[in-house]
Amino acid sequence: MTHRTLVAEALVVGYARGQRVLDGASLTVPAGRRLALLGANGSGKTTLLRCLSGALEPVAGTVAVDGVRLRHTRAGLRAHRQEVQLVLQDPDDQLFSASVAQDVSFGPLNLGLPEDAVRERVAEALGLLGVAGLAARPTHQLSYGERKRVAIAGAVAMRPCVLLLDEPTAGLDPSAVTEALAALERLRASGSTVVMSTHDVDLALRWADDVAVVVDRAVVQGCPADVLSDDDLLARARLDRPWALTVGARLRALGLLPDGALPRDAGELLAALPERVLP
């Protein structure tokens, strides 16, 4: 796996009754960076991810990896899916084999790889997701968080350069979220650029290097602190401002925080506060 840049330009997607879900939406997924994709329900986040993965062909616009344009032919889609993989929000939409190892091996087997290479990819993917001990477990005996990580492992076994994750932390408890984020960091370190869609603005602020908000059938992309402090944009996108930016701005106004970047999470906020407040 090596980092690649994924770019969508001027995507137009329309559904029944002539309504457009995306209308001129553009997005750049920089190589090696963590990108959080935000937006309200029905805004078009999943539609955008499906276009990026090749699962949905737009009415207009282009998708390219390192300048190589996606073509919706059998050969073009096969080549693109070895570079870009999409994992859906509900793991049960992707898990269908009797055991974890069989499920994760499905993609590599379809590539026609020899058995030794398939076993190597399965072991690698399960290790990166921290679920190697589940290889022989029936998929129906897994917890929800385990099923999510196994579904991601199935995509990782394809060794994609870009991994698109639709709400990978939705429905997880705080401990499972921490484990999932640790797994995503291992994936990034191994060479996969990670895109994560989420409704959680606080998670996006502390995790992402870049954020993109799907709003008004288009995409607004930029630095997390800048985009997620734009109250007009957040209102149009039906999102809240992250608590760390709200609290940090108030503390700075009171003279309790120095100038510079605002804290992105509780740890950074506590570290930035003075040890004692003079009367």
C-alpha atoms as a PDB file:
ATOM      1  CA  MET A   1       0.000   0.000   0.000  1.00  0.00           C
ATOM      2  CA  THR A   2       1.256   3.488  -0.855  1.00  0.00           C
ATOM      3  CA  HIS A   3      -0.443   6.817  -0.319  1.00  0.00           C
ATOM      4  CA  ARG A   4      -2.216   8.257  -3.354  1.00  0.00           C
ATOM      5  CA  THR A   5      -4.240  11.434  -3.944  1.00  0.00           C
ATOM      6  CA  LEU A   6      -7.926  10.923  -4.752  1.00  0.00           C
ATOM      7  CA  VAL A   7      -9.715  13.801  -6.479  1.00  0.00           C
ATOM      8  CA  ALA A   8     -13.345  14.341  -7.445  1.00  0.00           C
ATOM      9  CA  GLU A   9     -14.177  17.308  -9.663  1.00  0.00           C
ATOM     10  CA  ALA A  10     -17.578  18.876 -10.367  1.00  0.00           C
ATOM     11  CA  LEU A  11     -19.635  15.787  -9.558  1.00  0.00           C
ATOM     12  CA  VAL A  12     -23.317  15.869 -10.447  1.00  0.00           C
ATOM     13  CA  VAL A  13     -25.591  13.113  -9.164  1.00  0.00           C
ATOM     14  CA  GLY A  14     -29.343  13.090  -9.649  1.00  0.00           C
ATOM     15  CA  TYR A  15     -32.018  10.740  -8.420  1.00  0.00           C
ATOM     16  CA  ALA A  16     -35.729  10.286  -9.145  1.00  0.00           C
ATOM     17  CA  ARG A  17     -37.985  13.251  -9.905  1.00  0.00           C
ATOM     18  CA  GLY A  18     -35.043  15.280 -11.186  1.00  0.00           C
ATOM     19  CA  GLN A  19     -33.642  16.158  -7.759  1.00  0.00           C
ATOM     20  CA  ARG A  20     -29.881  16.515  -7.562  1.00  0.00           C
ATOM     21  CA  VAL A  21     -28.039  15.130  -4.550  1.00  0.00           C
ATOM     22  CA  LEU A  22     -24.701  16.594  -5.637  1.00  0.00           C
ATOM     23  CA  ASP A  23     -24.355  19.509  -8.034  1.00  0.00           C
ATOM     24  CA  GLY A  24     -20.787  20.483  -8.879  1.00  0.00           C
ATOM     25  CA  ALA A  25     -19.254  18.863  -5.781  1.00  0.00           C
ATOM     26  CA  SER A  26     -15.452  18.710  -5.717  1.00  0.00           C
ATOM     27  CA  LEU A  27     -13.170  17.094  -3.144  1.00  0.00           C
ATOM     28  CA  THR A  28      -9.458  16.413  -2.819  1.00  0.00           C
ATOM     29  CA  VAL A  29      -8.273  13.620  -0.534  1.00  0.00           C
ATOM     30  CA  PRO A  30      -4.585  14.473   0.025  1.00  0.00           C
ATOM     31  CA  ALA A  31      -2.194  11.540   0.100  1.00  0.00           C
ATOM     32  CA  GLY A  32      -1.350  10.353   3.597  1.00  0.00           C
ATOM     33  CA  ARG A  33      -3.723  12.684   5.434  1.00  0.00           C
ATOM     34  CA  ARG A  34      -6.792  11.922   7.539  1.00  0.00           C
ATOM     35  CA  LEU A  35      -9.959  13.464   6.112  1.00  0.00           C
ATOM     36  CA  ALA A  36     -13.285  13.666   7.949  1.00  0.00           C
ATOM     37  CA  LEU A  37     -16.415  14.027   5.819  1.00  0.00           C
ATOM     38  CA  LEU A  38     -19.298  15.769   7.605  1.00  0.00           C
ATOM     39  CA  GLY A  39     -22.890  16.603   6.778  1.00  0.00           C
ATOM     40  CA  ALA A  40     -26.478  16.186   7.897  1.00  0.00           C
ATOM     41  CA  ASN A  41     -28.524  13.086   7.140  1.00  0.00           C
ATOM     42  CA  GLY A  42     -29.491  13.181   3.484  1.00  0.00           C
ATOM     43  CA  SER A  43     -26.816  15.733   2.590  1.00  0.00           C
ATOM     44  CA  GLY A  44     -25.076  13.398   0.139  1.00  0.00           C
ATOM     45  CA  LYS A  45     -22.113  12.072   2.158  1.00  0.00           C
ATOM     46  CA  THR A  46     -22.716   8.430   1.292  1.00  0.00           C
ATOM     47  CA  THR A  47     -23.497   9.341  -2.321  1.00  0.00           C
ATOM     48  CA  LEU A  48     -20.158  11.144  -2.544  1.00  0.00           C
ATOM     49  CA  LEU A  49     -18.328   8.146  -1.055  1.00  0.00           C
ATOM     50  CA  ARG A  50     -20.022   5.822  -3.536  1.00  0.00           C
ATOM     51  CA  CYS A  51     -18.893   8.051  -6.404  1.00  0.00           C
ATOM     52  CA  LEU A  52     -15.339   8.097  -5.067  1.00  0.00           C
ATOM     53  CA  SER A  53     -15.296   4.301  -4.818  1.00  0.00           C
ATOM     54  CA  GLY A  54     -16.737   3.736  -8.283  1.00  0.00           C
ATOM     55  CA  ALA A  55     -19.928   2.146  -6.938  1.00  0.00           C
ATOM     56  CA  LEU A  56     -21.999   5.001  -8.401  1.00  0.00           C
ATOM     57  CA  GLU A  57     -21.393   6.713 -11.729  1.00  0.00           C
ATOM     58  CA  PRO A  58     -22.152  10.448 -11.628  1.00  0.00           C
ATOM     59  CA  VAL A  59     -24.159  12.197 -14.322  1.00  0.00           C
ATOM     60  CA  ALA A  60     -21.208  14.551 -14.789  1.00  0.00           C
ATOM     61  CA  GLY A  61     -17.784  15.141 -13.274  1.00  0.00           C
ATOM     62  CA  THR A  62     -14.683  13.021 -12.807  1.00  0.00           C
ATOM     63  CA  VAL A  63     -12.927  10.905 -10.183  1.00  0.00           C
ATOM     64  CA  ALA A  64      -9.197  10.253 -10.431  1.00  0.00           C
ATOM     65  CA  VAL A  65      -6.371   8.671  -8.426  1.00  0.00           C
ATOM     66  CA  ASP A  66      -3.014  10.393  -8.941  1.00  0.00           C
ATOM     67  CA  GLY A  67      -4.379  11.837 -12.171  1.00  0.00           C
ATOM     68  CA  VAL A  68      -5.629   8.509 -13.556  1.00  0.00           C
ATOM     69  CA  ARG A  69      -9.318   8.996 -14.299  1.00  0.00           C
ATOM     70  CA  LEU A  70     -11.846   6.388 -13.189  1.00  0.00           C
ATOM     71  CA  ARG A  71     -13.648   4.799 -16.124  1.00  0.00           C
ATOM     72  CA  HIS A  72     -16.848   2.872 -15.480  1.00  0.00           C
ATOM     73  CA  THR A  73     -15.903  -0.136 -17.554  1.00  0.00           C
ATOM     74  CA  ARG A  74     -15.314  -3.597 -16.147  1.00  0.00           C
ATOM     75  CA  ALA A  75     -11.549  -3.187 -16.424  1.00  0.00           C
ATOM     76  CA  GLY A  76     -11.615   0.393 -15.163  1.00  0.00           C
ATOM     77  CA  LEU A  77     -13.666  -0.461 -12.078  1.00  0.00           C
ATOM     78  CA  ARG A  78     -11.507  -3.478 -11.295  1.00  0.00           C
ATOM     79  CA  ALA A  79      -8.360  -1.335 -11.419  1.00  0.00           C
ATOM     80  CA  HIS A  80      -9.942   1.448  -9.360  1.00  0.00           C
ATOM     81  CA  ARG A  81     -11.154  -0.913  -6.634  1.00  0.00           C
ATOM     82  CA  GLN A  82      -7.615  -2.140  -6.101  1.00  0.00           C
ATOM     83  CA  GLU A  83      -6.727   1.472  -5.274  1.00  0.00           C
ATOM     84  CA  VAL A  84      -9.895   2.642  -3.471  1.00  0.00           C
ATOM     85  CA  GLN A  85     -12.139   0.623  -1.138  1.00  0.00           C
ATOM     86  CA  LEU A  86     -15.424   1.639   0.504  1.00  0.00           C
ATOM     87  CA  VAL A  87     -16.700   0.154   3.788  1.00  0.00           C
ATOM     88  CA  LEU A  88     -20.399   0.727   4.411  1.00  0.00           C
ATOM     89  CA  GLN A  89     -21.883   1.914   7.701  1.00  0.00           C
ATOM     90  CA  ASP A  90     -23.671  -1.352   8.510  1.00  0.00           C
ATOM     91  CA  PRO A  91     -21.129  -4.207   8.704  1.00  0.00           C
ATOM     92  CA  ASP A  92     -23.859  -6.767   8.079  1.00  0.00           C
ATOM     93  CA  ASP A  93     -24.142  -5.386   4.539  1.00  0.00           C
ATOM     94  CA  GLN A  94     -20.630  -6.748   3.868  1.00  0.00           C
ATOM     95  CA  LEU A  95     -20.195  -9.820   6.077  1.00  0.00           C
ATOM     96  CA  PHE A  96     -21.599 -13.014   4.595  1.00  0.00           C
ATOM     97  CA  SER A  97     -19.060 -15.845   5.006  1.00  0.00           C
ATOM     98  CA  ALA A  98     -19.092 -18.521   7.708  1.00  0.00           C
ATOM     99  CA  SER A  99     -15.927 -17.351   9.475  1.00  0.00           C
ATOM    100  CA  VAL A 100     -13.945 -14.139   9.840  1.00  0.00           C
ATOM    101  CA  ALA A 101     -10.954 -15.469   7.883  1.00  0.00           C
ATOM    102  CA  GLN A 102     -13.184 -16.633   5.028  1.00  0.00           C
ATOM    103  CA  ASP A 103     -14.893 -13.263   4.852  1.00  0.00           C
ATOM    104  CA  VAL A 104     -11.653 -11.270   4.808  1.00  0.00           C
ATOM    105  CA  SER A 105     -10.211 -13.580   2.139  1.00  0.00           C
ATOM    106  CA  PHE A 106     -13.093 -13.000  -0.299  1.00  0.00           C
ATOM    107  CA  GLY A 107     -11.608  -9.969  -2.083  1.00  0.00           C
ATOM    108  CA  PRO A 108      -8.055 -11.301  -2.495  1.00  0.00           C
ATOM    109  CA  LEU A 109      -9.410 -14.629  -3.773  1.00  0.00           C
ATOM    110  CA  ASN A 110     -11.423 -12.760  -6.407  1.00  0.00           C
ATOM    111  CA  LEU A 111      -8.177 -11.142  -7.557  1.00  0.00           C
ATOM    112  CA  GLY A 112      -6.958 -14.646  -8.415  1.00  0.00           C
ATOM    113  CA  LEU A 113      -4.110 -14.560  -5.910  1.00  0.00           C
ATOM    114  CA  PRO A 114      -2.472 -17.841  -4.828  1.00  0.00           C
ATOM    115  CA  GLU A 115      -3.487 -19.269  -1.451  1.00  0.00           C
ATOM    116  CA  ASP A 116      -0.238 -18.288   0.278  1.00  0.00           C
ATOM    117  CA  ALA A 117      -0.653 -14.668  -0.784  1.00  0.00           C
ATOM    118  CA  VAL A 118      -4.292 -14.666   0.336  1.00  0.00           C
ATOM    119  CA  ARG A 119      -3.374 -16.053   3.772  1.00  0.00           C
ATOM    120  CA  GLU A 120      -0.674 -13.382   4.085  1.00  0.00           C
ATOM    121  CA  ARG A 121      -3.135 -10.605   3.261  1.00  0.00           C
ATOM    122  CA  VAL A 122      -5.765 -11.942   5.665  1.00  0.00           C
ATOM    123  CA  ALA A 123      -3.272 -12.156   8.527  1.00  0.00           C
ATOM    124  CA  GLU A 124      -1.962  -8.671   7.744  1.00  0.00           C
ATOM    125  CA  ALA A 125      -5.434  -7.120   7.623  1.00  0.00           C
ATOM    126  CA  LEU A 126      -6.654  -8.791  10.808  1.00  0.00           C
ATOM    127  CA  GLY A 127      -3.469  -7.717  12.595  1.00  0.00           C
ATOM    128  CA  LEU A 128      -3.825  -4.090  11.511  1.00  0.00           C
ATOM    129  CA  LEU A 129      -7.420  -4.013  12.769  1.00  0.00           C
ATOM    130  CA  GLY A 130      -6.478  -5.711  16.039  1.00  0.00           C
ATOM    131  CA  VAL A 131      -8.770  -8.712  15.491  1.00  0.00           C
ATOM    132  CA  ALA A 132      -6.297 -11.484  14.646  1.00  0.00           C
ATOM    133  CA  GLY A 133      -7.705 -13.583  17.464  1.00  0.00           C
ATOM    134  CA  LEU A 134     -11.087 -13.688  15.742  1.00  0.00           C
ATOM    135  CA  ALA A 135      -9.924 -15.401  12.536  1.00  0.00           C
ATOM    136  CA  ALA A 136     -11.742 -18.676  13.198  1.00  0.00           C
ATOM    137  CA  ARG A 137     -14.813 -17.100  14.839  1.00  0.00           C
ATOM    138  CA  PRO A 138     -18.169 -17.307  13.039  1.00  0.00           C
ATOM    139  CA  THR A 139     -19.152 -13.827  11.930  1.00  0.00           C
ATOM    140  CA  HIS A 140     -22.588 -14.109  13.552  1.00  0.00           C
ATOM    141  CA  GLN A 141     -20.926 -14.498  16.967  1.00  0.00           C
ATOM    142  CA  LEU A 142     -19.111 -11.162  16.800  1.00  0.00           C
ATOM    143  CA  SER A 143     -20.069  -8.034  18.695  1.00  0.00           C
ATOM    144  CA  TYR A 144     -21.145  -4.985  16.692  1.00  0.00           C
ATOM    145  CA  GLY A 145     -17.755  -3.303  17.140  1.00  0.00           C
ATOM    146  CA  GLU A 146     -15.942  -6.493  16.128  1.00  0.00           C
ATOM    147  CA  ARG A 147     -18.117  -6.822  13.023  1.00  0.00           C
ATOM    148  CA  LYS A 148     -17.249  -3.242  12.070  1.00  0.00           C
ATOM    149  CA  ARG A 149     -13.517  -3.928  12.324  1.00  0.00           C
ATOM    150  CA  VAL A 150     -13.789  -7.216  10.431  1.00  0.00           C
ATOM    151  CA  ALA A 151     -15.681  -5.448   7.624  1.00  0.00           C
ATOM    152  CA  ILE A 152     -12.859  -2.906   7.437  1.00  0.00           C
ATOM    153  CA  ALA A 153     -10.306  -5.757   7.444  1.00  0.00           C
ATOM    154  CA  GLY A 154     -12.024  -7.202   4.372  1.00  0.00           C
ATOM    155  CA  ALA A 155     -11.368  -3.937   2.536  1.00  0.00           C
ATOM    156  CA  VAL A 156      -7.826  -3.636   3.905  1.00  0.00           C
ATOM    157  CA  ALA A 157      -6.990  -7.124   2.574  1.00  0.00           C
ATOM    158  CA  MET A 158      -7.298  -5.598  -0.891  1.00  0.00           C
ATOM    159  CA  ARG A 159      -4.382  -3.310   0.082  1.00  0.00           C
ATOM    160  CA  PRO A 160      -6.072  -0.112  -1.127  1.00  0.00           C
ATOM    161  CA  CYS A 161      -4.232   3.192  -1.286  1.00  0.00           C
ATOM    162  CA  VAL A 162      -7.380   5.048  -0.149  1.00  0.00           C
ATOM    163  CA  LEU A 163      -9.865   3.645   2.363  1.00  0.00           C
ATOM    164  CA  LEU A 164     -13.343   5.218   2.505  1.00  0.00           C
ATOM    165  CA  LEU A 165     -15.249   4.527   5.740  1.00  0.00           C
ATOM    166  CA  ASP A 166     -18.930   5.417   6.094  1.00  0.00           C
ATOM    167  CA  GLU A 167     -19.647   6.178   9.787  1.00  0.00           C
ATOM    168  CA  PRO A 168     -17.108   3.666  11.184  1.00  0.00           C
ATOM    169  CA  THR A 169     -17.642   4.815  14.807  1.00  0.00           C
ATOM    170  CA  ALA A 170     -21.457   5.042  14.719  1.00  0.00           C
ATOM    171  CA  GLY A 171     -23.079   2.890  17.393  1.00  0.00           C
ATOM    172  CA  LEU A 172     -19.827   2.178  19.221  1.00  0.00           C
ATOM    173  CA  ASP A 173     -19.215   2.814  22.923  1.00  0.00           C
ATOM    174  CA  PRO A 174     -16.296   5.120  23.907  1.00  0.00           C
ATOM    175  CA  SER A 175     -13.882   2.214  24.438  1.00  0.00           C
ATOM    176  CA  ALA A 176     -14.699   0.745  21.029  1.00  0.00           C
ATOM    177  CA  VAL A 177     -14.287   4.178  19.416  1.00  0.00           C
ATOM    178  CA  THR A 178     -10.792   4.443  20.935  1.00  0.00           C
ATOM    179  CA  GLU A 179      -9.913   0.981  19.605  1.00  0.00           C
ATOM    180  CA  ALA A 180     -11.286   1.853  16.162  1.00  0.00           C
ATOM    181  CA  LEU A 181      -9.276   5.079  15.967  1.00  0.00           C
ATOM    182  CA  ALA A 182      -6.115   3.226  16.998  1.00  0.00           C
ATOM    183  CA  ALA A 183      -6.758   0.746  14.188  1.00  0.00           C
ATOM    184  CA  LEU A 184      -7.253   3.586  11.702  1.00  0.00           C
ATOM    185  CA  GLU A 185      -3.924   5.074  12.741  1.00  0.00           C
ATOM    186  CA  ARG A 186      -2.216   1.726  12.113  1.00  0.00           C
ATOM    187  CA  LEU A 187      -3.813   1.658   8.675  1.00  0.00           C
ATOM    188  CA  ARG A 188      -2.557   5.146   7.878  1.00  0.00           C
ATOM    189  CA  ALA A 189       0.942   4.234   9.058  1.00  0.00           C
ATOM    190  CA  SER A 190       0.870   1.165   6.803  1.00  0.00           C
ATOM    191  CA  GLY A 191       0.165   3.252   3.710  1.00  0.00           C
ATOM    192  CA  SER A 192      -3.617   3.722   3.435  1.00  0.00           C
ATOM    193  CA  THR A 193      -5.024   7.235   3.236  1.00  0.00           C
ATOM    194  CA  VAL A 194      -8.202   7.215   5.359  1.00  0.00           C
ATOM    195  CA  VAL A 195     -11.457   9.101   4.754  1.00  0.00           C
ATOM    196  CA  MET A 196     -14.083   8.836   7.486  1.00  0.00           C
ATOM    197  CA  SER A 197     -17.626  10.156   7.247  1.00  0.00           C
ATOM    198  CA  THR A 198     -19.169  11.114  10.588  1.00  0.00           C
ATOM    199  CA  HIS A 199     -21.794  13.271  12.275  1.00  0.00           C
ATOM    200  CA  ASP A 200     -19.482  13.787  15.255  1.00  0.00           C
ATOM    201  CA  VAL A 201     -17.907  17.245  14.898  1.00  0.00           C
ATOM    202  CA  ASP A 202     -15.862  16.775  18.086  1.00  0.00           C
ATOM    203  CA  LEU A 203     -14.352  13.562  16.728  1.00  0.00           C
ATOM    204  CA  ALA A 204     -13.649  15.212  13.374  1.00  0.00           C
ATOM    205  CA  LEU A 205     -11.854  18.118  15.058  1.00  0.00           C
ATOM    206  CA  ARG A 206      -9.547  15.963  17.156  1.00  0.00           C
ATOM    207  CA  TRP A 207      -8.872  13.235  14.548  1.00  0.00           C
ATOM    208  CA  ALA A 208      -8.725  14.822  11.115  1.00  0.00           C
ATOM    209  CA  ASP A 209      -5.988  16.696   9.283  1.00  0.00           C
ATOM    210  CA  ASP A 210      -8.612  18.035   6.859  1.00  0.00           C
ATOM    211  CA  VAL A 211     -12.397  18.224   6.959  1.00  0.00           C
ATOM    212  CA  ALA A 212     -14.985  18.461   4.200  1.00  0.00           C
ATOM    213  CA  VAL A 213     -18.618  19.427   4.764  1.00  0.00           C
ATOM    214  CA  VAL A 214     -21.282  18.327   2.293  1.00  0.00           C
ATOM    215  CA  VAL A 215     -23.819  21.143   2.210  1.00  0.00           C
ATOM    216  CA  ASP A 216     -26.173  22.589  -0.407  1.00  0.00           C
ATOM    217  CA  ARG A 217     -25.233  19.772  -2.830  1.00  0.00           C
ATOM    218  CA  ALA A 218     -21.584  20.902  -2.820  1.00  0.00           C
ATOM    219  CA  VAL A 219     -18.487  20.421  -0.650  1.00  0.00           C
ATOM    220  CA  VAL A 220     -16.638  22.932   1.537  1.00  0.00           C
ATOM    221  CA  GLN A 221     -13.160  21.692   2.445  1.00  0.00           C
ATOM    222  CA  GLY A 222     -10.382  23.065   4.621  1.00  0.00           C
ATOM    223  CA  CYS A 223      -8.536  23.096   7.928  1.00  0.00           C
ATOM    224  CA  PRO A 224     -10.660  21.587  10.754  1.00  0.00           C
ATOM    225  CA  ALA A 225     -10.381  24.606  13.045  1.00  0.00           C
ATOM    226  CA  ASP A 226     -11.336  27.034  10.267  1.00  0.00           C
ATOM    227  CA  VAL A 227     -14.211  25.062   8.753  1.00  0.00           C
ATOM    228  CA  LEU A 228     -15.682  23.973  12.091  1.00  0.00           C
ATOM    229  CA  SER A 229     -15.689  27.507  13.483  1.00  0.00           C
ATOM    230  CA  ASP A 230     -17.657  28.899  10.524  1.00  0.00           C
ATOM    231  CA  ASP A 231     -21.031  29.349  12.220  1.00  0.00           C
ATOM    232  CA  ASP A 232     -22.871  30.231   8.999  1.00  0.00           C
ATOM    233  CA  LEU A 233     -21.598  27.101   7.271  1.00  0.00           C
ATOM    234  CA  LEU A 234     -22.407  24.928  10.291  1.00  0.00           C
ATOM    235  CA  ALA A 235     -25.942  26.332  10.448  1.00  0.00           C
ATOM    236  CA  ARG A 236     -26.528  25.587   6.758  1.00  0.00           C
ATOM    237  CA  ALA A 237     -25.123  22.089   7.235  1.00  0.00           C
ATOM    238  CA  ARG A 238     -27.166  21.535  10.422  1.00  0.00           C
ATOM    239  CA  LEU A 239     -24.045  20.844  12.469  1.00  0.00           C
ATOM    240  CA  ASP A 240     -22.941  22.153  15.865  1.00  0.00           C
ATOM    241  CA  ARG A 241     -19.662  23.883  16.580  1.00  0.00           C
ATOM    242  CA  PRO A 242     -17.226  21.535  18.396  1.00  0.00           C
ATOM    243  CA  TRP A 243     -17.243  22.135  22.143  1.00  0.00           C
ATOM    244  CA  ALA A 244     -13.439  22.527  22.251  1.00  0.00           C
ATOM    245  CA  LEU A 245     -13.555  25.511  19.871  1.00  0.00           C
ATOM    246  CA  THR A 246     -16.430  27.122  21.798  1.00  0.00           C
ATOM    247  CA  VAL A 247     -14.810  26.693  25.207  1.00  0.00           C
ATOM    248  CA  GLY A 248     -11.349  27.568  23.913  1.00  0.00           C
ATOM    249  CA  ALA A 249     -12.553  30.817  22.331  1.00  0.00           C
ATOM    250  CA  ARG A 250     -14.305  31.821  25.558  1.00  0.00           C
ATOM    251  CA  LEU A 251     -11.242  31.077  27.683  1.00  0.00           C
ATOM    252  CA  ARG A 252      -9.059  33.076  25.298  1.00  0.00           C
ATOM    253  CA  ALA A 253     -11.472  36.019  25.559  1.00  0.00           C
ATOM    254  CA  LEU A 254     -11.060  35.815  29.354  1.00  0.00           C
ATOM    255  CA  GLY A 255      -7.297  35.904  28.981  1.00  0.00           C
ATOM    256  CA  LEU A 256      -6.813  32.304  30.101  1.00  0.00           C
ATOM    257  CA  LEU A 257      -5.489  30.932  26.814  1.00  0.00           C
ATOM    258  CA  PRO A 258      -2.623  32.322  24.708  1.00  0.00           C
ATOM    259  CA  ASP A 259      -2.935  33.274  21.055  1.00  0.00           C
ATOM    260  CA  GLY A 260      -2.446  30.548  18.479  1.00  0.00           C
ATOM    261  CA  ALA A 261      -4.360  27.455  17.487  1.00  0.00           C
ATOM    262  CA  LEU A 262      -7.269  26.604  19.769  1.00  0.00           C
ATOM    263  CA  PRO A 263      -7.202  23.245  21.585  1.00  0.00           C
ATOM    264  CA  ARG A 264      -8.840  20.377  19.696  1.00  0.00           C
ATOM    265  CA  ASP A 265      -9.739  18.116  22.630  1.00  0.00           C
ATOM    266  CA  ALA A 266      -9.821  17.925  26.434  1.00  0.00           C
ATOM    267  CA  GLY A 267      -6.151  16.960  26.717  1.00  0.00           C
ATOM    268  CA  GLU A 268      -4.940  19.914  24.661  1.00  0.00           C
ATOM    269  CA  LEU A 269      -7.283  22.249  26.532  1.00  0.00           C
ATOM    270  CA  LEU A 270      -6.002  21.187  29.963  1.00  0.00           C
ATOM    271  CA  ALA A 271      -2.389  21.426  28.797  1.00  0.00           C
ATOM    272  CA  ALA A 272      -2.956  24.976  27.514  1.00  0.00           C
ATOM    273  CA  LEU A 273      -4.525  26.302  30.732  1.00  0.00           C
ATOM    274  CA  PRO A 274      -2.287  28.095  33.236  1.00  0.00           C
ATOM    275  CA  GLU A 275      -1.459  26.133  36.393  1.00  0.00           C
ATOM    276  CA  ARG A 276      -3.123  28.778  38.521  1.00  0.00           C
ATOM    277  CA  VAL A 277      -5.274  31.808  37.822  1.00  0.00           C
ATOM    278  CA  LEU A 278      -4.080  35.018  39.448  1.00  0.00           C
ATOM    279  CA  PRO A 279      -6.780  37.187  41.165  1.00  0.00           C
END
